[in-house]
Amino acid sequence: LYLIYGGYPAVVLAKSNTEKEKILEGIIENY
């Protein structure tokens, strides 16, 4: 699971995979 979604803290603390993907989108696209 860690190798799929990585270790950005907000992603790790997200509850669902859908939420993890959405947070990753924000981190990568917006920052």
mmCIF file of all heavy atoms, coordinates in Angstrom:
data_MODEL
# 
_entry.id   MODEL 
# 
loop_
_atom_site.group_PDB 
_atom_site.id 
_atom_site.type_symbol 
_atom_site.label_atom_id 
_atom_site.label_alt_id 
_atom_site.label_comp_id 
_atom_site.label_asym_id 
_atom_site.label_entity_id 
_atom_site.label_seq_id 
_atom_site.pdbx_PDB_ins_code 
_atom_site.Cartn_x 
_atom_site.Cartn_y 
_atom_site.Cartn_z 
_atom_site.occupancy 
_atom_site.B_iso_or_equiv 
_atom_site.pdbx_formal_charge 
_atom_site.auth_seq_id 
_atom_site.auth_comp_id 
_atom_site.auth_asym_id 
_atom_site.auth_atom_id 
_atom_site.pdbx_PDB_model_num 
ATOM 1   N N   . LEU A 1 1  ? 0.838   -1.207 0.000   1.00 0.00 ? 1  LEU A N   1 
ATOM 2   C CA  . LEU A 1 1  ? 0.000   0.000  0.000   1.00 0.00 ? 1  LEU A CA  1 
ATOM 3   C C   . LEU A 1 1  ? 0.871   1.254  0.000   1.00 0.00 ? 1  LEU A C   1 
ATOM 4   O O   . LEU A 1 1  ? 0.598   2.215  -0.728  1.00 0.00 ? 1  LEU A O   1 
ATOM 5   C CB  . LEU A 1 1  ? -0.915  -0.007 1.228   1.00 0.00 ? 1  LEU A CB  1 
ATOM 6   C CG  . LEU A 1 1  ? -1.884  1.180  1.360   1.00 0.00 ? 1  LEU A CG  1 
ATOM 7   C CD1 . LEU A 1 1  ? -2.918  1.154  0.232   1.00 0.00 ? 1  LEU A CD1 1 
ATOM 8   C CD2 . LEU A 1 1  ? -2.582  1.158  2.723   1.00 0.00 ? 1  LEU A CD2 1 
ATOM 9   N N   . TYR A 1 2  ? 1.929   1.230  0.786   1.00 0.00 ? 2  TYR A N   1 
ATOM 10  C CA  . TYR A 1 2  ? 2.860   2.350  0.855   1.00 0.00 ? 2  TYR A CA  1 
ATOM 11  C C   . TYR A 1 2  ? 3.525   2.600  -0.493  1.00 0.00 ? 2  TYR A C   1 
ATOM 12  O O   . TYR A 1 2  ? 3.708   3.753  -0.914  1.00 0.00 ? 2  TYR A O   1 
ATOM 13  C CB  . TYR A 1 2  ? 3.915   2.050  1.929   1.00 0.00 ? 2  TYR A CB  1 
ATOM 14  C CG  . TYR A 1 2  ? 5.044   3.027  2.035   1.00 0.00 ? 2  TYR A CG  1 
ATOM 15  C CD1 . TYR A 1 2  ? 4.851   4.310  2.541   1.00 0.00 ? 2  TYR A CD1 1 
ATOM 16  C CD2 . TYR A 1 2  ? 6.331   2.656  1.657   1.00 0.00 ? 2  TYR A CD2 1 
ATOM 17  C CE1 . TYR A 1 2  ? 5.902   5.204  2.652   1.00 0.00 ? 2  TYR A CE1 1 
ATOM 18  C CE2 . TYR A 1 2  ? 7.398   3.540  1.774   1.00 0.00 ? 2  TYR A CE2 1 
ATOM 19  C CZ  . TYR A 1 2  ? 7.179   4.815  2.269   1.00 0.00 ? 2  TYR A CZ  1 
ATOM 20  O OH  . TYR A 1 2  ? 8.237   5.691  2.380   1.00 0.00 ? 2  TYR A OH  1 
ATOM 21  N N   . LEU A 1 3  ? 3.857   1.533  -1.211  1.00 0.00 ? 3  LEU A N   1 
ATOM 22  C CA  . LEU A 1 3  ? 4.524   1.677  -2.504  1.00 0.00 ? 3  LEU A CA  1 
ATOM 23  C C   . LEU A 1 3  ? 3.574   2.170  -3.588  1.00 0.00 ? 3  LEU A C   1 
ATOM 24  O O   . LEU A 1 3  ? 4.022   2.675  -4.616  1.00 0.00 ? 3  LEU A O   1 
ATOM 25  C CB  . LEU A 1 3  ? 5.151   0.351  -2.939  1.00 0.00 ? 3  LEU A CB  1 
ATOM 26  C CG  . LEU A 1 3  ? 6.250   -0.206 -2.039  1.00 0.00 ? 3  LEU A CG  1 
ATOM 27  C CD1 . LEU A 1 3  ? 6.945   -1.392 -2.687  1.00 0.00 ? 3  LEU A CD1 1 
ATOM 28  C CD2 . LEU A 1 3  ? 7.283   0.855  -1.684  1.00 0.00 ? 3  LEU A CD2 1 
ATOM 29  N N   . ILE A 1 4  ? 2.285   2.054  -3.364  1.00 0.00 ? 4  ILE A N   1 
ATOM 30  C CA  . ILE A 1 4  ? 1.312   2.549  -4.342  1.00 0.00 ? 4  ILE A CA  1 
ATOM 31  C C   . ILE A 1 4  ? 0.987   4.026  -4.094  1.00 0.00 ? 4  ILE A C   1 
ATOM 32  O O   . ILE A 1 4  ? 0.977   4.829  -5.033  1.00 0.00 ? 4  ILE A O   1 
ATOM 33  C CB  . ILE A 1 4  ? 0.026   1.703  -4.298  1.00 0.00 ? 4  ILE A CB  1 
ATOM 34  C CG1 . ILE A 1 4  ? 0.324   0.295  -4.823  1.00 0.00 ? 4  ILE A CG1 1 
ATOM 35  C CG2 . ILE A 1 4  ? -1.088  2.346  -5.130  1.00 0.00 ? 4  ILE A CG2 1 
ATOM 36  C CD1 . ILE A 1 4  ? -0.787  -0.704 -4.586  1.00 0.00 ? 4  ILE A CD1 1 
ATOM 37  N N   . TYR A 1 5  ? 0.759   4.399  -2.841  1.00 0.00 ? 5  TYR A N   1 
ATOM 38  C CA  . TYR A 1 5  ? 0.307   5.766  -2.550  1.00 0.00 ? 5  TYR A CA  1 
ATOM 39  C C   . TYR A 1 5  ? 1.385   6.665  -1.950  1.00 0.00 ? 5  TYR A C   1 
ATOM 40  O O   . TYR A 1 5  ? 1.177   7.869  -1.806  1.00 0.00 ? 5  TYR A O   1 
ATOM 41  C CB  . TYR A 1 5  ? -0.912  5.721  -1.626  1.00 0.00 ? 5  TYR A CB  1 
ATOM 42  C CG  . TYR A 1 5  ? -2.131  5.182  -2.338  1.00 0.00 ? 5  TYR A CG  1 
ATOM 43  C CD1 . TYR A 1 5  ? -2.584  3.885  -2.096  1.00 0.00 ? 5  TYR A CD1 1 
ATOM 44  C CD2 . TYR A 1 5  ? -2.812  5.943  -3.281  1.00 0.00 ? 5  TYR A CD2 1 
ATOM 45  C CE1 . TYR A 1 5  ? -3.689  3.370  -2.771  1.00 0.00 ? 5  TYR A CE1 1 
ATOM 46  C CE2 . TYR A 1 5  ? -3.915  5.446  -3.957  1.00 0.00 ? 5  TYR A CE2 1 
ATOM 47  C CZ  . TYR A 1 5  ? -4.348  4.157  -3.695  1.00 0.00 ? 5  TYR A CZ  1 
ATOM 48  O OH  . TYR A 1 5  ? -5.436  3.651  -4.372  1.00 0.00 ? 5  TYR A OH  1 
ATOM 49  N N   . GLY A 1 6  ? 2.527   6.103  -1.591  1.00 0.00 ? 6  GLY A N   1 
ATOM 50  C CA  . GLY A 1 6  ? 3.629   6.929  -1.128  1.00 0.00 ? 6  GLY A CA  1 
ATOM 51  C C   . GLY A 1 6  ? 3.492   7.403  0.303   1.00 0.00 ? 6  GLY A C   1 
ATOM 52  O O   . GLY A 1 6  ? 2.640   6.929  1.059   1.00 0.00 ? 6  GLY A O   1 
ATOM 53  N N   . GLY A 1 7  ? 4.346   8.371  0.663   1.00 0.00 ? 7  GLY A N   1 
ATOM 54  C CA  . GLY A 1 7  ? 4.466   8.761  2.059   1.00 0.00 ? 7  GLY A CA  1 
ATOM 55  C C   . GLY A 1 7  ? 4.173   10.209 2.386   1.00 0.00 ? 7  GLY A C   1 
ATOM 56  O O   . GLY A 1 7  ? 4.499   10.657 3.488   1.00 0.00 ? 7  GLY A O   1 
ATOM 57  N N   . TYR A 1 8  ? 3.586   10.989 1.456   1.00 0.00 ? 8  TYR A N   1 
ATOM 58  C CA  . TYR A 1 8  ? 3.221   12.344 1.857   1.00 0.00 ? 8  TYR A CA  1 
ATOM 59  C C   . TYR A 1 8  ? 2.264   12.258 3.041   1.00 0.00 ? 8  TYR A C   1 
ATOM 60  O O   . TYR A 1 8  ? 1.259   11.525 2.984   1.00 0.00 ? 8  TYR A O   1 
ATOM 61  C CB  . TYR A 1 8  ? 2.581   13.107 0.697   1.00 0.00 ? 8  TYR A CB  1 
ATOM 62  C CG  . TYR A 1 8  ? 3.580   13.561 -0.336  1.00 0.00 ? 8  TYR A CG  1 
ATOM 63  C CD1 . TYR A 1 8  ? 3.647   12.956 -1.588  1.00 0.00 ? 8  TYR A CD1 1 
ATOM 64  C CD2 . TYR A 1 8  ? 4.475   14.590 -0.052  1.00 0.00 ? 8  TYR A CD2 1 
ATOM 65  C CE1 . TYR A 1 8  ? 4.589   13.366 -2.533  1.00 0.00 ? 8  TYR A CE1 1 
ATOM 66  C CE2 . TYR A 1 8  ? 5.412   15.004 -0.989  1.00 0.00 ? 8  TYR A CE2 1 
ATOM 67  C CZ  . TYR A 1 8  ? 5.464   14.385 -2.223  1.00 0.00 ? 8  TYR A CZ  1 
ATOM 68  O OH  . TYR A 1 8  ? 6.405   14.786 -3.142  1.00 0.00 ? 8  TYR A OH  1 
ATOM 69  N N   . PRO A 1 9  ? 2.555   12.953 4.139   1.00 0.00 ? 9  PRO A N   1 
ATOM 70  C CA  . PRO A 1 9  ? 1.767   12.781 5.372   1.00 0.00 ? 9  PRO A CA  1 
ATOM 71  C C   . PRO A 1 9  ? 0.261   12.890 5.177   1.00 0.00 ? 9  PRO A C   1 
ATOM 72  O O   . PRO A 1 9  ? -0.486  12.054 5.703   1.00 0.00 ? 9  PRO A O   1 
ATOM 73  C CB  . PRO A 1 9  ? 2.301   13.897 6.280   1.00 0.00 ? 9  PRO A CB  1 
ATOM 74  C CG  . PRO A 1 9  ? 3.727   14.045 5.858   1.00 0.00 ? 9  PRO A CG  1 
ATOM 75  C CD  . PRO A 1 9  ? 3.724   13.848 4.366   1.00 0.00 ? 9  PRO A CD  1 
ATOM 76  N N   . ALA A 1 10 ? -0.205  13.883 4.432   1.00 0.00 ? 10 ALA A N   1 
ATOM 77  C CA  . ALA A 1 10 ? -1.656  14.049 4.241   1.00 0.00 ? 10 ALA A CA  1 
ATOM 78  C C   . ALA A 1 10 ? -2.257  12.868 3.496   1.00 0.00 ? 10 ALA A C   1 
ATOM 79  O O   . ALA A 1 10 ? -3.405  12.481 3.742   1.00 0.00 ? 10 ALA A O   1 
ATOM 80  C CB  . ALA A 1 10 ? -1.941  15.345 3.477   1.00 0.00 ? 10 ALA A CB  1 
ATOM 81  N N   . VAL A 1 11 ? -1.480  12.262 2.616   1.00 0.00 ? 11 VAL A N   1 
ATOM 82  C CA  . VAL A 1 11 ? -1.956  11.092 1.868   1.00 0.00 ? 11 VAL A CA  1 
ATOM 83  C C   . VAL A 1 11 ? -2.036  9.885  2.799   1.00 0.00 ? 11 VAL A C   1 
ATOM 84  O O   . VAL A 1 11 ? -3.029  9.142  2.803   1.00 0.00 ? 11 VAL A O   1 
ATOM 85  C CB  . VAL A 1 11 ? -1.016  10.796 0.678   1.00 0.00 ? 11 VAL A CB  1 
ATOM 86  C CG1 . VAL A 1 11 ? -1.435  9.522  -0.047  1.00 0.00 ? 11 VAL A CG1 1 
ATOM 87  C CG2 . VAL A 1 11 ? -0.999  11.977 -0.292  1.00 0.00 ? 11 VAL A CG2 1 
ATOM 88  N N   . VAL A 1 12 ? -1.011  9.678  3.597   1.00 0.00 ? 12 VAL A N   1 
ATOM 89  C CA  . VAL A 1 12 ? -0.996  8.545  4.531   1.00 0.00 ? 12 VAL A CA  1 
ATOM 90  C C   . VAL A 1 12 ? -2.153  8.629  5.513   1.00 0.00 ? 12 VAL A C   1 
ATOM 91  O O   . VAL A 1 12 ? -2.803  7.621  5.830   1.00 0.00 ? 12 VAL A O   1 
ATOM 92  C CB  . VAL A 1 12 ? 0.346   8.484  5.287   1.00 0.00 ? 12 VAL A CB  1 
ATOM 93  C CG1 . VAL A 1 12 ? 0.309   7.431  6.387   1.00 0.00 ? 12 VAL A CG1 1 
ATOM 94  C CG2 . VAL A 1 12 ? 1.498   8.199  4.315   1.00 0.00 ? 12 VAL A CG2 1 
ATOM 95  N N   . LEU A 1 13 ? -2.453  9.831  5.990   1.00 0.00 ? 13 LEU A N   1 
ATOM 96  C CA  . LEU A 1 13 ? -3.500  10.003 7.004   1.00 0.00 ? 13 LEU A CA  1 
ATOM 97  C C   . LEU A 1 13 ? -4.912  9.984  6.422   1.00 0.00 ? 13 LEU A C   1 
ATOM 98  O O   . LEU A 1 13 ? -5.886  9.906  7.164   1.00 0.00 ? 13 LEU A O   1 
ATOM 99  C CB  . LEU A 1 13 ? -3.267  11.309 7.765   1.00 0.00 ? 13 LEU A CB  1 
ATOM 100 C CG  . LEU A 1 13 ? -1.974  11.350 8.612   1.00 0.00 ? 13 LEU A CG  1 
ATOM 101 C CD1 . LEU A 1 13 ? -1.692  12.747 9.120   1.00 0.00 ? 13 LEU A CD1 1 
ATOM 102 C CD2 . LEU A 1 13 ? -2.043  10.350 9.762   1.00 0.00 ? 13 LEU A CD2 1 
ATOM 103 N N   . ALA A 1 14 ? -5.035  10.042 5.080   1.00 0.00 ? 14 ALA A N   1 
ATOM 104 C CA  . ALA A 1 14 ? -6.361  9.969  4.444   1.00 0.00 ? 14 ALA A CA  1 
ATOM 105 C C   . ALA A 1 14 ? -6.940  8.566  4.625   1.00 0.00 ? 14 ALA A C   1 
ATOM 106 O O   . ALA A 1 14 ? -6.206  7.577  4.626   1.00 0.00 ? 14 ALA A O   1 
ATOM 107 C CB  . ALA A 1 14 ? -6.252  10.312 2.964   1.00 0.00 ? 14 ALA A CB  1 
ATOM 108 N N   . LYS A 1 15 ? -8.245  8.467  4.769   1.00 0.00 ? 15 LYS A N   1 
ATOM 109 C CA  . LYS A 1 15 ? -8.888  7.206  5.115   1.00 0.00 ? 15 LYS A CA  1 
ATOM 110 C C   . LYS A 1 15 ? -9.104  6.284  3.918   1.00 0.00 ? 15 LYS A C   1 
ATOM 111 O O   . LYS A 1 15 ? -8.902  5.079  4.001   1.00 0.00 ? 15 LYS A O   1 
ATOM 112 C CB  . LYS A 1 15 ? -10.236 7.468  5.808   1.00 0.00 ? 15 LYS A CB  1 
ATOM 113 C CG  . LYS A 1 15 ? -10.127 8.278  7.085   1.00 0.00 ? 15 LYS A CG  1 
ATOM 114 C CD  . LYS A 1 15 ? -9.238  7.587  8.108   1.00 0.00 ? 15 LYS A CD  1 
ATOM 115 C CE  . LYS A 1 15 ? -9.143  8.382  9.408   1.00 0.00 ? 15 LYS A CE  1 
ATOM 116 N NZ  . LYS A 1 15 ? -8.175  7.784  10.347  1.00 0.00 ? 15 LYS A NZ  1 
ATOM 117 N N   . SER A 1 16 ? -9.549  6.828  2.795   1.00 0.00 ? 16 SER A N   1 
ATOM 118 C CA  . SER A 1 16 ? -9.895  5.975  1.650   1.00 0.00 ? 16 SER A CA  1 
ATOM 119 C C   . SER A 1 16 ? -8.899  6.177  0.514   1.00 0.00 ? 16 SER A C   1 
ATOM 120 O O   . SER A 1 16 ? -8.219  7.204  0.435   1.00 0.00 ? 16 SER A O   1 
ATOM 121 C CB  . SER A 1 16 ? -11.299 6.308  1.145   1.00 0.00 ? 16 SER A CB  1 
ATOM 122 O OG  . SER A 1 16 ? -11.321 7.594  0.542   1.00 0.00 ? 16 SER A OG  1 
ATOM 123 N N   . ASN A 1 17 ? -8.823  5.189  -0.379  1.00 0.00 ? 17 ASN A N   1 
ATOM 124 C CA  . ASN A 1 17 ? -7.932  5.305  -1.533  1.00 0.00 ? 17 ASN A CA  1 
ATOM 125 C C   . ASN A 1 17 ? -8.345  6.455  -2.440  1.00 0.00 ? 17 ASN A C   1 
ATOM 126 O O   . ASN A 1 17 ? -7.493  7.148  -3.009  1.00 0.00 ? 17 ASN A O   1 
ATOM 127 C CB  . ASN A 1 17 ? -7.920  3.989  -2.313  1.00 0.00 ? 17 ASN A CB  1 
ATOM 128 C CG  . ASN A 1 17 ? -7.228  2.879  -1.531  1.00 0.00 ? 17 ASN A CG  1 
ATOM 129 O OD1 . ASN A 1 17 ? -6.560  3.133  -0.528  1.00 0.00 ? 17 ASN A OD1 1 
ATOM 130 N ND2 . ASN A 1 17 ? -7.398  1.648  -1.979  1.00 0.00 ? 17 ASN A ND2 1 
ATOM 131 N N   . THR A 1 18 ? -9.632  6.673  -2.578  1.00 0.00 ? 18 THR A N   1 
ATOM 132 C CA  . THR A 1 18 ? -10.119 7.790  -3.396  1.00 0.00 ? 18 THR A CA  1 
ATOM 133 C C   . THR A 1 18 ? -9.636  9.118  -2.824  1.00 0.00 ? 18 THR A C   1 
ATOM 134 O O   . THR A 1 18 ? -9.194  10.015 -3.561  1.00 0.00 ? 18 THR A O   1 
ATOM 135 C CB  . THR A 1 18 ? -11.656 7.777  -3.463  1.00 0.00 ? 18 THR A CB  1 
ATOM 136 O OG1 . THR A 1 18 ? -12.082 6.539  -4.029  1.00 0.00 ? 18 THR A OG1 1 
ATOM 137 C CG2 . THR A 1 18 ? -12.182 8.923  -4.312  1.00 0.00 ? 18 THR A CG2 1 
ATOM 138 N N   . GLU A 1 19 ? -9.712  9.227  -1.510  1.00 0.00 ? 19 GLU A N   1 
ATOM 139 C CA  . GLU A 1 19 ? -9.238  10.447 -0.848  1.00 0.00 ? 19 GLU A CA  1 
ATOM 140 C C   . GLU A 1 19 ? -7.732  10.613 -1.022  1.00 0.00 ? 19 GLU A C   1 
ATOM 141 O O   . GLU A 1 19 ? -7.237  11.721 -1.263  1.00 0.00 ? 19 GLU A O   1 
ATOM 142 C CB  . GLU A 1 19 ? -9.592  10.378 0.644   1.00 0.00 ? 19 GLU A CB  1 
ATOM 143 C CG  . GLU A 1 19 ? -9.374  11.675 1.396   1.00 0.00 ? 19 GLU A CG  1 
ATOM 144 C CD  . GLU A 1 19 ? -9.725  11.568 2.872   1.00 0.00 ? 19 GLU A CD  1 
ATOM 145 O OE1 . GLU A 1 19 ? -10.330 10.550 3.280   1.00 0.00 ? 19 GLU A OE1 1 
ATOM 146 O OE2 . GLU A 1 19 ? -9.375  12.494 3.622   1.00 0.00 ? 19 GLU A OE2 1 
ATOM 147 N N   . LYS A 1 20 ? -6.986  9.505  -0.923  1.00 0.00 ? 20 LYS A N   1 
ATOM 148 C CA  . LYS A 1 20 ? -5.535  9.560  -1.116  1.00 0.00 ? 20 LYS A CA  1 
ATOM 149 C C   . LYS A 1 20 ? -5.194  10.092 -2.509  1.00 0.00 ? 20 LYS A C   1 
ATOM 150 O O   . LYS A 1 20 ? -4.318  10.945 -2.672  1.00 0.00 ? 20 LYS A O   1 
ATOM 151 C CB  . LYS A 1 20 ? -4.926  8.163  -0.932  1.00 0.00 ? 20 LYS A CB  1 
ATOM 152 C CG  . LYS A 1 20 ? -4.956  7.632  0.496   1.00 0.00 ? 20 LYS A CG  1 
ATOM 153 C CD  . LYS A 1 20 ? -4.383  6.229  0.562   1.00 0.00 ? 20 LYS A CD  1 
ATOM 154 C CE  . LYS A 1 20 ? -4.573  5.579  1.919   1.00 0.00 ? 20 LYS A CE  1 
ATOM 155 N NZ  . LYS A 1 20 ? -3.848  6.240  3.008   1.00 0.00 ? 20 LYS A NZ  1 
ATOM 156 N N   . GLU A 1 21 ? -5.889  9.594  -3.516  1.00 0.00 ? 21 GLU A N   1 
ATOM 157 C CA  . GLU A 1 21 ? -5.621  10.007 -4.900  1.00 0.00 ? 21 GLU A CA  1 
ATOM 158 C C   . GLU A 1 21 ? -5.943  11.484 -5.100  1.00 0.00 ? 21 GLU A C   1 
ATOM 159 O O   . GLU A 1 21 ? -5.215  12.207 -5.789  1.00 0.00 ? 21 GLU A O   1 
ATOM 160 C CB  . GLU A 1 21 ? -6.419  9.130  -5.863  1.00 0.00 ? 21 GLU A CB  1 
ATOM 161 C CG  . GLU A 1 21 ? -5.919  7.688  -5.903  1.00 0.00 ? 21 GLU A CG  1 
ATOM 162 C CD  . GLU A 1 21 ? -6.822  6.751  -6.686  1.00 0.00 ? 21 GLU A CD  1 
ATOM 163 O OE1 . GLU A 1 21 ? -7.546  7.237  -7.584  1.00 0.00 ? 21 GLU A OE1 1 
ATOM 164 O OE2 . GLU A 1 21 ? -6.812  5.532  -6.405  1.00 0.00 ? 21 GLU A OE2 1 
ATOM 165 N N   . LYS A 1 22 ? -7.024  11.947 -4.489  1.00 0.00 ? 22 LYS A N   1 
ATOM 166 C CA  . LYS A 1 22 ? -7.412  13.349 -4.619  1.00 0.00 ? 22 LYS A CA  1 
ATOM 167 C C   . LYS A 1 22 ? -6.391  14.267 -3.933  1.00 0.00 ? 22 LYS A C   1 
ATOM 168 O O   . LYS A 1 22 ? -6.049  15.335 -4.455  1.00 0.00 ? 22 LYS A O   1 
ATOM 169 C CB  . LYS A 1 22 ? -8.807  13.560 -4.024  1.00 0.00 ? 22 LYS A CB  1 
ATOM 170 C CG  . LYS A 1 22 ? -9.437  14.894 -4.405  1.00 0.00 ? 22 LYS A CG  1 
ATOM 171 C CD  . LYS A 1 22 ? -9.725  14.963 -5.902  1.00 0.00 ? 22 LYS A CD  1 
ATOM 172 C CE  . LYS A 1 22 ? -10.317 16.294 -6.315  1.00 0.00 ? 22 LYS A CE  1 
ATOM 173 N NZ  . LYS A 1 22 ? -10.438 16.412 -7.786  1.00 0.00 ? 22 LYS A NZ  1 
ATOM 174 N N   . ILE A 1 23 ? -5.913  13.852 -2.777  1.00 0.00 ? 23 ILE A N   1 
ATOM 175 C CA  . ILE A 1 23 ? -4.922  14.654 -2.061  1.00 0.00 ? 23 ILE A CA  1 
ATOM 176 C C   . ILE A 1 23 ? -3.609  14.695 -2.835  1.00 0.00 ? 23 ILE A C   1 
ATOM 177 O O   . ILE A 1 23 ? -2.965  15.744 -2.941  1.00 0.00 ? 23 ILE A O   1 
ATOM 178 C CB  . ILE A 1 23 ? -4.718  14.108 -0.631  1.00 0.00 ? 23 ILE A CB  1 
ATOM 179 C CG1 . ILE A 1 23 ? -5.979  14.357 0.206   1.00 0.00 ? 23 ILE A CG1 1 
ATOM 180 C CG2 . ILE A 1 23 ? -3.498  14.743 0.029   1.00 0.00 ? 23 ILE A CG2 1 
ATOM 181 C CD1 . ILE A 1 23 ? -5.971  13.685 1.545   1.00 0.00 ? 23 ILE A CD1 1 
ATOM 182 N N   . LEU A 1 24 ? -3.213  13.564 -3.401  1.00 0.00 ? 24 LEU A N   1 
ATOM 183 C CA  . LEU A 1 24 ? -2.008  13.529 -4.237  1.00 0.00 ? 24 LEU A CA  1 
ATOM 184 C C   . LEU A 1 24 ? -2.133  14.492 -5.414  1.00 0.00 ? 24 LEU A C   1 
ATOM 185 O O   . LEU A 1 24 ? -1.189  15.214 -5.750  1.00 0.00 ? 24 LEU A O   1 
ATOM 186 C CB  . LEU A 1 24 ? -1.762  12.113 -4.764  1.00 0.00 ? 24 LEU A CB  1 
ATOM 187 C CG  . LEU A 1 24 ? -0.813  11.224 -3.959  1.00 0.00 ? 24 LEU A CG  1 
ATOM 188 C CD1 . LEU A 1 24 ? -0.829  9.802  -4.503  1.00 0.00 ? 24 LEU A CD1 1 
ATOM 189 C CD2 . LEU A 1 24 ? 0.603   11.783 -3.948  1.00 0.00 ? 24 LEU A CD2 1 
ATOM 190 N N   . GLU A 1 25 ? -3.304  14.518 -6.013  1.00 0.00 ? 25 GLU A N   1 
ATOM 191 C CA  . GLU A 1 25 ? -3.545  15.434 -7.125  1.00 0.00 ? 25 GLU A CA  1 
ATOM 192 C C   . GLU A 1 25 ? -3.305  16.877 -6.690  1.00 0.00 ? 25 GLU A C   1 
ATOM 193 O O   . GLU A 1 25 ? -2.628  17.652 -7.377  1.00 0.00 ? 25 GLU A O   1 
ATOM 194 C CB  . GLU A 1 25 ? -4.978  15.282 -7.644  1.00 0.00 ? 25 GLU A CB  1 
ATOM 195 C CG  . GLU A 1 25 ? -5.326  16.250 -8.765  1.00 0.00 ? 25 GLU A CG  1 
ATOM 196 C CD  . GLU A 1 25 ? -6.795  16.187 -9.167  1.00 0.00 ? 25 GLU A CD  1 
ATOM 197 O OE1 . GLU A 1 25 ? -7.515  15.278 -8.712  1.00 0.00 ? 25 GLU A OE1 1 
ATOM 198 O OE2 . GLU A 1 25 ? -7.235  17.069 -9.935  1.00 0.00 ? 25 GLU A OE2 1 
ATOM 199 N N   . GLY A 1 26 ? -3.841  17.242 -5.533  1.00 0.00 ? 26 GLY A N   1 
ATOM 200 C CA  . GLY A 1 26 ? -3.668  18.608 -5.034  1.00 0.00 ? 26 GLY A CA  1 
ATOM 201 C C   . GLY A 1 26 ? -2.218  18.932 -4.736  1.00 0.00 ? 26 GLY A C   1 
ATOM 202 O O   . GLY A 1 26 ? -1.716  20.010 -5.085  1.00 0.00 ? 26 GLY A O   1 
ATOM 203 N N   . ILE A 1 27 ? -1.506  17.999 -4.087  1.00 0.00 ? 27 ILE A N   1 
ATOM 204 C CA  . ILE A 1 27 ? -0.104  18.230 -3.740  1.00 0.00 ? 27 ILE A CA  1 
ATOM 205 C C   . ILE A 1 27 ? 0.737   18.425 -4.997  1.00 0.00 ? 27 ILE A C   1 
ATOM 206 O O   . ILE A 1 27 ? 1.539   19.362 -5.100  1.00 0.00 ? 27 ILE A O   1 
ATOM 207 C CB  . ILE A 1 27 ? 0.447   17.041 -2.915  1.00 0.00 ? 27 ILE A CB  1 
ATOM 208 C CG1 . ILE A 1 27 ? -0.188  17.024 -1.521  1.00 0.00 ? 27 ILE A CG1 1 
ATOM 209 C CG2 . ILE A 1 27 ? 1.969   17.110 -2.803  1.00 0.00 ? 27 ILE A CG2 1 
ATOM 210 C CD1 . ILE A 1 27 ? 0.159   15.786 -0.703  1.00 0.00 ? 27 ILE A CD1 1 
ATOM 211 N N   . ILE A 1 28 ? 0.537   17.563 -5.957  1.00 0.00 ? 28 ILE A N   1 
ATOM 212 C CA  . ILE A 1 28 ? 1.391   17.571 -7.146  1.00 0.00 ? 28 ILE A CA  1 
ATOM 213 C C   . ILE A 1 28 ? 1.040   18.714 -8.088  1.00 0.00 ? 28 ILE A C   1 
ATOM 214 O O   . ILE A 1 28 ? 1.915   19.451 -8.552  1.00 0.00 ? 28 ILE A O   1 
ATOM 215 C CB  . ILE A 1 28 ? 1.311   16.207 -7.865  1.00 0.00 ? 28 ILE A CB  1 
ATOM 216 C CG1 . ILE A 1 28 ? 1.930   15.126 -6.965  1.00 0.00 ? 28 ILE A CG1 1 
ATOM 217 C CG2 . ILE A 1 28 ? 2.014   16.250 -9.216  1.00 0.00 ? 28 ILE A CG2 1 
ATOM 218 C CD1 . ILE A 1 28 ? 1.636   13.707 -7.381  1.00 0.00 ? 28 ILE A CD1 1 
ATOM 219 N N   . GLU A 1 29 ? -0.250  18.900 -8.344  1.00 0.00 ? 29 GLU A N   1 
ATOM 220 C CA  . GLU A 1 29 ? -0.660  19.928 -9.308  1.00 0.00 ? 29 GLU A CA  1 
ATOM 221 C C   . GLU A 1 29 ? -0.554  21.340 -8.722  1.00 0.00 ? 29 GLU A C   1 
ATOM 222 O O   . GLU A 1 29 ? -0.130  22.272 -9.406  1.00 0.00 ? 29 GLU A O   1 
ATOM 223 C CB  . GLU A 1 29 ? -2.104  19.674 -9.763  1.00 0.00 ? 29 GLU A CB  1 
ATOM 224 C CG  . GLU A 1 29 ? -2.331  18.314 -10.419 1.00 0.00 ? 29 GLU A CG  1 
ATOM 225 C CD  . GLU A 1 29 ? -1.801  18.236 -11.836 1.00 0.00 ? 29 GLU A CD  1 
ATOM 226 O OE1 . GLU A 1 29 ? -1.361  19.275 -12.365 1.00 0.00 ? 29 GLU A OE1 1 
ATOM 227 O OE2 . GLU A 1 29 ? -1.819  17.140 -12.416 1.00 0.00 ? 29 GLU A OE2 1 
ATOM 228 N N   . ASN A 1 30 ? -0.928  21.501 -7.465  1.00 0.00 ? 30 ASN A N   1 
ATOM 229 C CA  . ASN A 1 30 ? -1.014  22.848 -6.882  1.00 0.00 ? 30 ASN A CA  1 
ATOM 230 C C   . ASN A 1 30 ? 0.262   23.315 -6.209  1.00 0.00 ? 30 ASN A C   1 
ATOM 231 O O   . ASN A 1 30 ? 0.463   24.521 -6.024  1.00 0.00 ? 30 ASN A O   1 
ATOM 232 C CB  . ASN A 1 30 ? -2.162  22.913 -5.865  1.00 0.00 ? 30 ASN A CB  1 
ATOM 233 C CG  . ASN A 1 30 ? -3.512  22.658 -6.507  1.00 0.00 ? 30 ASN A CG  1 
ATOM 234 O OD1 . ASN A 1 30 ? -3.710  22.945 -7.685  1.00 0.00 ? 30 ASN A OD1 1 
ATOM 235 N ND2 . ASN A 1 30 ? -4.434  22.093 -5.748  1.00 0.00 ? 30 ASN A ND2 1 
ATOM 236 N N   . TYR A 1 31 ? 1.116   22.383 -5.815  1.00 0.00 ? 31 TYR A N   1 
ATOM 237 C CA  . TYR A 1 31 ? 2.334   22.772 -5.111  1.00 0.00 ? 31 TYR A CA  1 
ATOM 238 C C   . TYR A 1 31 ? 3.592   22.419 -5.891  1.00 0.00 ? 31 TYR A C   1 
ATOM 239 O O   . TYR A 1 31 ? 4.344   23.281 -6.320  1.00 0.00 ? 31 TYR A O   1 
ATOM 240 C CB  . TYR A 1 31 ? 2.397   22.122 -3.722  1.00 0.00 ? 31 TYR A CB  1 
ATOM 241 C CG  . TYR A 1 31 ? 1.370   22.637 -2.756  1.00 0.00 ? 31 TYR A CG  1 
ATOM 242 C CD1 . TYR A 1 31 ? 0.200   21.932 -2.507  1.00 0.00 ? 31 TYR A CD1 1 
ATOM 243 C CD2 . TYR A 1 31 ? 1.568   23.844 -2.086  1.00 0.00 ? 31 TYR A CD2 1 
ATOM 244 C CE1 . TYR A 1 31 ? -0.757  22.406 -1.621  1.00 0.00 ? 31 TYR A CE1 1 
ATOM 245 C CE2 . TYR A 1 31 ? 0.615   24.331 -1.193  1.00 0.00 ? 31 TYR A CE2 1 
ATOM 246 C CZ  . TYR A 1 31 ? -0.532  23.598 -0.970  1.00 0.00 ? 31 TYR A CZ  1 
ATOM 247 O OH  . TYR A 1 31 ? -1.471  24.083 -0.087  1.00 0.00 ? 31 TYR A OH  1 
# 
